Amino acid sequence: MVDSVISLVIGRTVDLLHKKSVFLKDVRRQVERLGNDLEWMRCFLKDAEQRQDEDARIRNWVSLIRAAAYDAEDVIEIFAGKVEFLTKNKGLVTKLTYYPLKIVNLYKIGKETESLQMRLNDIADRREKFGIRNLEEGMSSRGEEFRRLRRTSPFSEDKDIVGFEEITKFLVAELLKQDKNRRVVSIVGMGGAGKTTLAKKVYNHADLRERFNCRAWLCVSSSYGHKEMLRSIIKQLNTVDNKLLEMLEKMDEQDLERRLYQDLQDKCYLVVLDDVWKEEAWDCLARAFPDVNTSSRLLITSRNRGVPLHADALSIPYDLKTLGQEDSWQLFLRKALGHGDNAWCPLDLEEVGREIARRCAGLPLAITVVGGLLLTKKRLKSEWEKVLNSFNTNLSRNQSGVSAILELSYADLPPNLKFCFLYLGLFPEDYMISVRKFIHMWAAEGIMQKRDAENLEEIAAHDLEQLFSRNMVQVAEMTVDERIKSCRVHDLLRELAIRKAEDENFFQIHDTRYDKISRYLAVHILPRDKNYFWTSTPPLRSLLFFNVRFDREDISLSFKSFRKLRTLDLENVKMPYNLPKEIGEVRLLRYLSLLETSISRLPHSVGCLRCLQTLDIRNLHPVIVSNFIWKLESLRHLYASDIKCNVPLKIEGLKNLQTLLGIRFDHIMHNNMMTLTSLQKLGIVVDDKSEIDKLCMHLSEVGSLKMLRLYRARGRYQWPSLAGLSKLHHVTELKLYGVGLRMLPPDFPPNLSRLSLKYTDLMNDPMPILEKLGQLSFLEMKDAYGGPQLVISRHGFHQLKFLELDLLRDLDEVMVDKAALPQLQCLRIRDCRNLEKLPEELKHISTLDTLELVDMQEDFISRLDADMVSSVPNLRIFDSTISQKKRRSYVYLRRRMEGYA
């Protein structure tokens, strides 16, 4: 842990010193000495890490280094940034004007570095007193192991489930027993035993889908909220619109219980309550589940045998045993050697491999994690023996088998991945983490800047991908073309991250347990102390809020106290006020999310945030900004629904900008877009006066542009003519969003490979036009067409690989002619409630690997052709457990597209 966090901070600070040296030449001697001393201190950290458990004084010594390293980075960033602003790209007169301020800031840097130097001297004296040695000399670099890491792709569903076939049959039979009373069936087992995996397999079983006409899934976890649990189930049982959301928000617990009871009263329902820790959690929900002779069932998973017995004294919990020796070995082969059902083990590795599998004690999580670890190693007996020996060392410290495995996998992570893994621990238990959001936040931390400052997002994605490949992070949701949209951390691994972070005071979580503030703080429950946020010692670097509401006047954010903050995430925080102008004082801020906060205006002082990389202001209403965006010279991603400015918004010159969403047509036309040399994704709000042909001519020379999104402005505007898209030779992805679009564009970008149509009102079958797009490989249609029939003709879509039809609720037939879709790999059909059957021709498409049927009607599932089902290697039929956030997002998007508040 010491080596991972402090070493990275020291390395980042030394890099910063070199990077800013040109602006610090007048204090170069002090700054260079500070950098040299920090580097020297890093050499002794490995010995300290090995001994800090034995000696509290050494732990204190390590904490002193950590504080000094963070403070050094803050000093250099703050003052060097000021000097850089006062001198960079300034004319002679301006430089002379700013010269006194430059001298003042250089003097402050000198004094601060002298103070830090004295602290480091004191730390060095203590090192000698404690006998801490330099263990870095002659040791191989972990970077070599990092570079050897095999780039296995995690972008596929985990199909390596073994040993659950008979258990699944038993549980399904229990749920189908002829008993009119409400009954509870339960799965009990230790953490990591596979309870949730088994419950999902049972929940999606075809016999249960046919029997129960009403189903819902609720993840309870240890930190449950009574009202949130009730709301979550109600939303899964009803069509979610704004009226329902507002009504549920106003209801108290008793009203919510009554509403859920009414929704279930006449239904034969199946509700899964996953990960129930306490009997009290059941008591919160029990009254809302009717027992009225409808043969309804509840499936509970828990670590605590007392929970299901408390729920139903007549039930007998199923004790999920650990995997047997042979099942453990088969799962181990799939995870450690990565060949699925065809996995085999070289003879020279079998003995040590079987011993490692045996030490996992039959726990699927432990086998999965250690398998991910071995995937990163060379297939040599010596490498596997090292893992086994390390495992034995952890066991000797009185850790349980699964804890030893997790500790071993964590210890094997390179420093940057340790930091990344710990950062994931800030998110709440069972939280669906947006991959795109996390990549932006991780890039803002700056850990990967040393490697390549131009490709922060690519490197951040690579770091997260490595955690997937090591099975330290789980895939939660994927797109139809197998891109990961969201992820989660298993609760045992999250507990490991929290434990490691607390040991080193790396971060704190404010829920019901913690009061102490560290440099990284996640707020899951709003504190009672109104001064909580601005009495932080040490100063905050990251502040993340999760689903809290600032509904008390005595709680506010004092941004003057947050001057060293790098990340501020206020997503979904309901604030009764706009962002205060003091936000401009947080000069080091790199990530700011105001997504769904209902703010209506950004203060002009946001223009002072010259380090800002990501700004997310997506909200239901337009957000008013003054003309300051062009000042945000570090900006890489700007997400908005609709940016409103009373003058043409200047954006030209932002050379780092990659994503720009929510800008209006008129503002685009007033800027020289060729100066945005990194721009890849552009989203433009258009109205009936927008001249798309001129827009496309204006954008045709932006060679970096790959994705264009057009969506209709709010209000009673109509779609303009979309002629001219063929001028965009660089664009490979097009998205058309918004109610009122009745006809497809007359032409398309010639190199278009991805097309999304959402919330449109196409009158005619779009397939005859779209099937002729020669390079199209991905097509998504969501709530885009209201007709009864889609027809794909012979040889149509000859390059299409991924097709998704979503919320086409009037569609009753899809016709596919012979020889159509010859390259199709994946077809996903979601919530097309009137669709009667699948096209017969699908069974003849030899490339079709995956067929996903999501939220489809039971009679549609029952009519599936057996030959067709058997012809597709991967058939997935399931009801999506749509989270509150996801359902709210759909309503939000639909309302925005329809143009009313």
Foldseek 3Di string as FASTA:
>chain_A
DLLQPLVLLLVLLLVLCVVLCVLLVVLNVLSVVLNVLLVVVSLLRVLLVVCCVPDVVSLVLSLLSSVLSVVSSLLSCPLSVVSCVQDPPDDPVSVVVCVVVSVVSSVVSNVSSVVSVVSSVVSVVVCVVVVGDRPPPPDDDLVVLVVLFDLDFLLDDDPLDPDCPVVLVVQLCVLPDPDLWEAEEEEAEDALQCRVVSVVVNAQDLVNVLQWPAEAEFEAAPDHDLLQRLVLRLPSLDQDFPVVVVVSVPDDLVVSLVSLLVSPVQTQYEYEYEADEDLVNCVSRVSSHDTDRRSHYYYYYYNDLVNNCSVPVPYDYHYRAADDLVSLLSSLQCLQVPDRPPGDAPPLQVVLSSVCSVLLVRRSLLSNLVSLVNSSDDNDNVVSVVLVVQLVVLVVVVDHSSVSSLVSSLVSDHSLLNVLLLVLLLDDAPDWAFPVVSLQVSLLVVSCVVPPVQPSSVVSSSSVRSCSSSVQKAQDDADLVSDGGTIHGRPVSSVVSVVVCVSSVVADEDDPPDQAGGQAYEYADDDPDQCSQQVHVPAHAEYHYDQEEPPDPSHDHDCLSRLNYAYYHCANYAYPAADDLSVLSNQNHAYYACHANPHAEDDQSVLSNLNHAEYADAYLDEHEYEQRQCSNLNYAEYHYQAYDYPDQHENAQNQNHAYEAHYELVNLVVYQCLSNQNHAEYHYEYFQPRDQQVVLVSCLPNQNYAEYEYAYAFDDTADHQNPNQCSNQNYQEYEYDFEHPADDHPDHHLNHAYYEYELYEHADQCQVPVQPNARHAYYYYENHYADAEHEHEAQGNVRHAGYEYYHNQNHAYYEYYPNYPLRHAEYEYEDNANHQEHYPNQLVNQNHAEYEYENYDSNHVVPYDPSSVVSHNYYHYYYDSQGPVRSVVVNSRNCRRNRDD
